[in-house]
Amino acid sequence: MMCEVMPTINEDTPMSQRGSQSSGSESDTHFEQLMVNMLDERDRLLDTLRETQESLGLSQQSLEDVLYDRDSLQRQLNSALPQFKTVLVKIVGTDALTGNG
């Protein structure tokens, strides 16, 4: 029976392994850059979210103001309409009697 002899393992790092270590370091650098980019993007998205929420709040306040103004004008119109109708009937009625209408 023949035994295979395993090569000896040197304690010094061979050149081929040094290359794999540097690519591991490059991989770590790439991963760190990816994480930094992701955190930057998250910060940008959070800023955009805050700005959008502020804009939405202002728009909602403007909408409430416009609705209040609309309701106020509608009340004024409803209160003035019967008086206007009475005046209009008097004018039309007078014109109808005088023959001007």
N, C-alpha and C. Protein backbone atom coordinates (compact mmCIF):
# COMPACT_ATOMS: atom_id res chain seq x y z
N MET A 1 0.80 -1.16 0.00
CA MET A 1 0.00 0.00 0.00
C MET A 1 0.86 1.24 0.00
N MET A 2 0.49 2.19 -0.82
CA MET A 2 1.28 3.41 -0.91
C MET A 2 0.59 4.52 -0.15
N CYS A 3 1.36 5.30 0.52
CA CYS A 3 0.83 6.47 1.23
C CYS A 3 1.20 7.72 0.47
N GLU A 4 0.25 8.59 0.40
CA GLU A 4 0.55 9.87 -0.21
C GLU A 4 1.09 10.79 0.85
N VAL A 5 2.11 11.49 0.49
CA VAL A 5 2.72 12.42 1.43
C VAL A 5 2.14 13.80 1.17
N MET A 6 1.62 14.39 2.22
CA MET A 6 1.05 15.73 2.10
C MET A 6 2.19 16.73 2.08
N PRO A 7 2.04 17.78 1.32
CA PRO A 7 3.10 18.79 1.28
C PRO A 7 3.20 19.48 2.64
N THR A 8 4.36 19.92 2.93
CA THR A 8 4.56 20.62 4.20
C THR A 8 3.90 22.00 4.14
N ILE A 9 3.43 22.44 5.28
CA ILE A 9 2.78 23.75 5.37
C ILE A 9 3.78 24.71 5.98
N ASN A 10 4.10 25.71 5.23
CA ASN A 10 5.03 26.73 5.72
C ASN A 10 4.28 27.71 6.62
N GLU A 11 4.95 28.19 7.61
CA GLU A 11 4.34 29.20 8.47
C GLU A 11 4.31 30.55 7.79
N ASP A 12 5.20 30.75 6.86
CA ASP A 12 5.18 31.99 6.08
C ASP A 12 4.03 31.90 5.08
N THR A 13 3.40 33.03 4.86
CA THR A 13 2.28 33.06 3.93
C THR A 13 2.81 33.03 2.51
N PRO A 14 2.38 32.08 1.70
CA PRO A 14 2.82 32.04 0.31
C PRO A 14 2.23 33.20 -0.48
N MET A 15 2.80 33.49 -1.60
CA MET A 15 2.38 34.60 -2.44
C MET A 15 0.94 34.42 -2.92
N SER A 16 0.55 33.19 -3.23
CA SER A 16 -0.80 32.96 -3.73
C SER A 16 -1.84 33.30 -2.66
N GLN A 17 -1.53 33.01 -1.41
CA GLN A 17 -2.47 33.34 -0.33
C GLN A 17 -2.48 34.83 -0.06
N ARG A 18 -1.36 35.48 -0.25
CA ARG A 18 -1.32 36.93 -0.05
C ARG A 18 -2.27 37.61 -1.02
N GLY A 19 -2.34 37.11 -2.23
CA GLY A 19 -3.26 37.65 -3.21
C GLY A 19 -4.70 37.48 -2.76
N SER A 20 -5.03 36.32 -2.19
CA SER A 20 -6.40 36.11 -1.74
C SER A 20 -6.71 36.98 -0.53
N GLN A 21 -5.70 37.25 0.30
CA GLN A 21 -5.93 38.13 1.44
C GLN A 21 -6.19 39.55 0.97
N SER A 22 -5.45 40.00 -0.04
CA SER A 22 -5.65 41.35 -0.52
C SER A 22 -7.01 41.46 -1.19
N SER A 23 -7.46 40.41 -1.88
CA SER A 23 -8.79 40.47 -2.47
C SER A 23 -9.84 40.45 -1.37
N GLY A 24 -9.56 39.79 -0.26
CA GLY A 24 -10.46 39.84 0.89
C GLY A 24 -10.52 41.25 1.45
N SER A 25 -9.37 41.90 1.48
CA SER A 25 -9.33 43.29 1.95
C SER A 25 -10.08 44.19 0.99
N GLU A 26 -9.92 43.93 -0.31
CA GLU A 26 -10.66 44.70 -1.30
C GLU A 26 -12.16 44.45 -1.15
N SER A 27 -12.50 43.20 -0.85
CA SER A 27 -13.91 42.85 -0.64
C SER A 27 -14.46 43.60 0.57
N ASP A 28 -13.65 43.67 1.64
CA ASP A 28 -14.07 44.41 2.84
C ASP A 28 -14.24 45.89 2.52
N THR A 29 -13.31 46.43 1.75
CA THR A 29 -13.40 47.84 1.36
C THR A 29 -14.65 48.08 0.52
N HIS A 30 -14.91 47.17 -0.41
CA HIS A 30 -16.10 47.28 -1.25
C HIS A 30 -17.37 47.20 -0.39
N PHE A 31 -17.38 46.28 0.56
CA PHE A 31 -18.53 46.13 1.45
C PHE A 31 -18.74 47.39 2.29
N GLU A 32 -17.64 47.93 2.82
CA GLU A 32 -17.74 49.17 3.61
C GLU A 32 -18.28 50.31 2.76
N GLN A 33 -17.81 50.42 1.53
CA GLN A 33 -18.29 51.48 0.64
C GLN A 33 -19.77 51.28 0.33
N LEU A 34 -20.16 50.03 0.13
CA LEU A 34 -21.57 49.72 -0.11
C LEU A 34 -22.42 50.14 1.09
N MET A 35 -21.94 49.84 2.29
CA MET A 35 -22.68 50.23 3.50
C MET A 35 -22.77 51.75 3.62
N VAL A 36 -21.69 52.45 3.34
CA VAL A 36 -21.70 53.91 3.39
C VAL A 36 -22.70 54.46 2.38
N ASN A 37 -22.68 53.90 1.18
CA ASN A 37 -23.63 54.35 0.15
C ASN A 37 -25.07 54.10 0.58
N MET A 38 -25.31 52.94 1.18
CA MET A 38 -26.66 52.63 1.64
C MET A 38 -27.10 53.59 2.75
N LEU A 39 -26.20 53.90 3.66
CA LEU A 39 -26.54 54.84 4.74
C LEU A 39 -26.78 56.24 4.19
N ASP A 40 -25.98 56.65 3.22
CA ASP A 40 -26.20 57.95 2.58
C ASP A 40 -27.56 58.00 1.89
N GLU A 41 -27.88 56.92 1.18
CA GLU A 41 -29.18 56.86 0.50
C GLU A 41 -30.32 56.88 1.51
N ARG A 42 -30.15 56.17 2.62
CA ARG A 42 -31.17 56.18 3.67
C ARG A 42 -31.36 57.60 4.21
N ASP A 43 -30.26 58.31 4.44
CA ASP A 43 -30.35 59.69 4.93
C ASP A 43 -31.07 60.58 3.92
N ARG A 44 -30.75 60.42 2.64
CA ARG A 44 -31.43 61.21 1.60
C ARG A 44 -32.93 60.90 1.58
N LEU A 45 -33.26 59.62 1.69
CA LEU A 45 -34.67 59.23 1.68
C LEU A 45 -35.40 59.77 2.91
N LEU A 46 -34.75 59.75 4.06
CA LEU A 46 -35.37 60.30 5.27
C LEU A 46 -35.58 61.80 5.15
N ASP A 47 -34.60 62.50 4.57
CA ASP A 47 -34.75 63.94 4.34
C ASP A 47 -35.92 64.21 3.40
N THR A 48 -36.00 63.43 2.34
CA THR A 48 -37.10 63.59 1.38
C THR A 48 -38.43 63.30 2.06
N LEU A 49 -38.46 62.29 2.90
CA LEU A 49 -39.69 61.95 3.63
C LEU A 49 -40.11 63.10 4.53
N ARG A 50 -39.15 63.66 5.27
CA ARG A 50 -39.46 64.80 6.15
C ARG A 50 -40.00 65.98 5.36
N GLU A 51 -39.35 66.30 4.25
CA GLU A 51 -39.79 67.42 3.42
C GLU A 51 -41.19 67.16 2.86
N THR A 52 -41.43 65.93 2.44
CA THR A 52 -42.74 65.58 1.89
C THR A 52 -43.82 65.66 2.97
N GLN A 53 -43.50 65.21 4.18
CA GLN A 53 -44.46 65.30 5.28
C GLN A 53 -44.76 66.75 5.62
N GLU A 54 -43.74 67.60 5.62
CA GLU A 54 -43.97 69.03 5.88
C GLU A 54 -44.85 69.63 4.79
N SER A 55 -44.56 69.29 3.55
CA SER A 55 -45.34 69.80 2.42
C SER A 55 -46.79 69.32 2.52
N LEU A 56 -46.97 68.07 2.89
CA LEU A 56 -48.32 67.53 3.06
C LEU A 56 -49.05 68.26 4.17
N GLY A 57 -48.37 68.54 5.28
CA GLY A 57 -48.98 69.28 6.37
C GLY A 57 -49.43 70.66 5.94
N LEU A 58 -48.57 71.35 5.18
CA LEU A 58 -48.93 72.68 4.69
C LEU A 58 -50.10 72.61 3.72
N SER A 59 -50.10 71.60 2.87
CA SER A 59 -51.20 71.44 1.91
C SER A 59 -52.51 71.14 2.63
N GLN A 60 -52.45 70.32 3.66
CA GLN A 60 -53.66 70.01 4.42
C GLN A 60 -54.18 71.25 5.13
N GLN A 61 -53.27 72.07 5.67
CA GLN A 61 -53.69 73.31 6.33
C GLN A 61 -54.32 74.26 5.31
N SER A 62 -53.72 74.36 4.14
CA SER A 62 -54.29 75.20 3.08
C SER A 62 -55.68 74.70 2.68
N LEU A 63 -55.83 73.40 2.57
CA LEU A 63 -57.12 72.83 2.22
C LEU A 63 -58.17 73.17 3.29
N GLU A 64 -57.79 73.05 4.55
CA GLU A 64 -58.72 73.39 5.63
C GLU A 64 -59.12 74.86 5.55
N ASP A 65 -58.15 75.73 5.26
CA ASP A 65 -58.45 77.16 5.13
C ASP A 65 -59.42 77.42 3.98
N VAL A 66 -59.17 76.77 2.85
CA VAL A 66 -60.04 76.95 1.68
C VAL A 66 -61.44 76.42 1.96
N LEU A 67 -61.53 75.28 2.62
CA LEU A 67 -62.85 74.73 2.96
C LEU A 67 -63.60 75.66 3.91
N TYR A 68 -62.89 76.24 4.86
CA TYR A 68 -63.52 77.19 5.78
C TYR A 68 -64.03 78.40 5.01
N ASP A 69 -63.21 78.94 4.11
CA ASP A 69 -63.63 80.09 3.29
C ASP A 69 -64.83 79.73 2.42
N ARG A 70 -64.80 78.55 1.83
CA ARG A 70 -65.92 78.12 0.99
C ARG A 70 -67.21 78.04 1.80
N ASP A 71 -67.12 77.43 2.98
CA ASP A 71 -68.31 77.32 3.82
C ASP A 71 -68.82 78.69 4.25
N SER A 72 -67.90 79.58 4.57
CA SER A 72 -68.28 80.94 4.96
C SER A 72 -68.98 81.66 3.81
N LEU A 73 -68.43 81.57 2.61
CA LEU A 73 -69.05 82.20 1.44
C LEU A 73 -70.41 81.56 1.13
N GLN A 74 -70.51 80.26 1.31
CA GLN A 74 -71.79 79.58 1.07
C GLN A 74 -72.85 80.07 2.05
N ARG A 75 -72.47 80.25 3.32
CA ARG A 75 -73.42 80.78 4.31
C ARG A 75 -73.85 82.19 3.95
N GLN A 76 -72.88 83.02 3.52
CA GLN A 76 -73.23 84.39 3.12
C GLN A 76 -74.17 84.39 1.92
N LEU A 77 -73.89 83.54 0.96
CA LEU A 77 -74.74 83.45 -0.22
C LEU A 77 -76.14 82.97 0.15
N ASN A 78 -76.22 81.96 0.99
CA ASN A 78 -77.52 81.44 1.41
C ASN A 78 -78.32 82.48 2.19
N SER A 79 -77.64 83.30 2.98
CA SER A 79 -78.38 84.32 3.74
C SER A 79 -78.79 85.49 2.84
N ALA A 80 -78.02 85.79 1.82
CA ALA A 80 -78.34 86.92 0.94
C ALA A 80 -79.29 86.53 -0.19
N LEU A 81 -79.34 85.27 -0.54
CA LEU A 81 -80.15 84.83 -1.67
C LEU A 81 -81.64 85.11 -1.50
N PRO A 82 -82.25 84.83 -0.34
CA PRO A 82 -83.68 85.14 -0.22
C PRO A 82 -83.98 86.63 -0.38
N GLN A 83 -83.11 87.48 0.15
CA GLN A 83 -83.32 88.93 0.00
C GLN A 83 -83.18 89.32 -1.47
N PHE A 84 -82.21 88.77 -2.15
CA PHE A 84 -82.00 89.07 -3.56
C PHE A 84 -83.20 88.59 -4.38
N LYS A 85 -83.70 87.42 -4.02
CA LYS A 85 -84.85 86.87 -4.73
C LYS A 85 -86.07 87.78 -4.56
N THR A 86 -86.27 88.29 -3.35
CA THR A 86 -87.39 89.19 -3.09
C THR A 86 -87.26 90.46 -3.92
N VAL A 87 -86.07 91.03 -3.95
CA VAL A 87 -85.84 92.25 -4.72
C VAL A 87 -86.05 91.97 -6.20
N LEU A 88 -85.57 90.85 -6.67
CA LEU A 88 -85.71 90.49 -8.08
C LEU A 88 -87.17 90.32 -8.46
N VAL A 89 -87.93 89.68 -7.61
CA VAL A 89 -89.36 89.49 -7.89
C VAL A 89 -90.06 90.84 -7.95
N LYS A 90 -89.69 91.75 -7.04
CA LYS A 90 -90.30 93.09 -7.05
C LYS A 90 -89.97 93.81 -8.35
N ILE A 91 -88.72 93.73 -8.79
CA ILE A 91 -88.31 94.41 -10.03
C ILE A 91 -89.05 93.81 -11.22
N VAL A 92 -89.04 92.52 -11.33
CA VAL A 92 -89.69 91.84 -12.45
C VAL A 92 -91.19 92.09 -12.39
N GLY A 93 -91.74 92.03 -11.19
CA GLY A 93 -93.18 92.27 -11.04
C GLY A 93 -93.55 93.68 -11.43
N THR A 94 -92.73 94.66 -11.06
CA THR A 94 -92.99 96.05 -11.40
C THR A 94 -92.89 96.25 -12.90
N ASP A 95 -91.87 95.66 -13.51
CA ASP A 95 -91.71 95.78 -14.96
C ASP A 95 -92.86 95.11 -15.69
N ALA A 96 -93.34 94.02 -15.14
CA ALA A 96 -94.45 93.31 -15.78
C ALA A 96 -95.71 94.16 -15.72
N LEU A 97 -95.88 94.88 -14.60
CA LEU A 97 -97.08 95.71 -14.46
C LEU A 97 -97.01 96.95 -15.35
N THR A 98 -95.82 97.51 -15.51
CA THR A 98 -95.68 98.73 -16.31
C THR A 98 -95.55 98.44 -17.78
N GLY A 99 -95.36 97.18 -18.12
CA GLY A 99 -95.22 96.83 -19.52
C GLY A 99 -93.81 96.95 -20.04
N ASN A 100 -92.82 97.18 -19.15
CA ASN A 100 -91.43 97.28 -19.59
C ASN A 100 -90.78 95.90 -19.70
N GLY A 101 -91.37 94.88 -19.17
CA GLY A 101 -90.74 93.58 -19.12
C GLY A 101 -91.15 92.70 -20.16
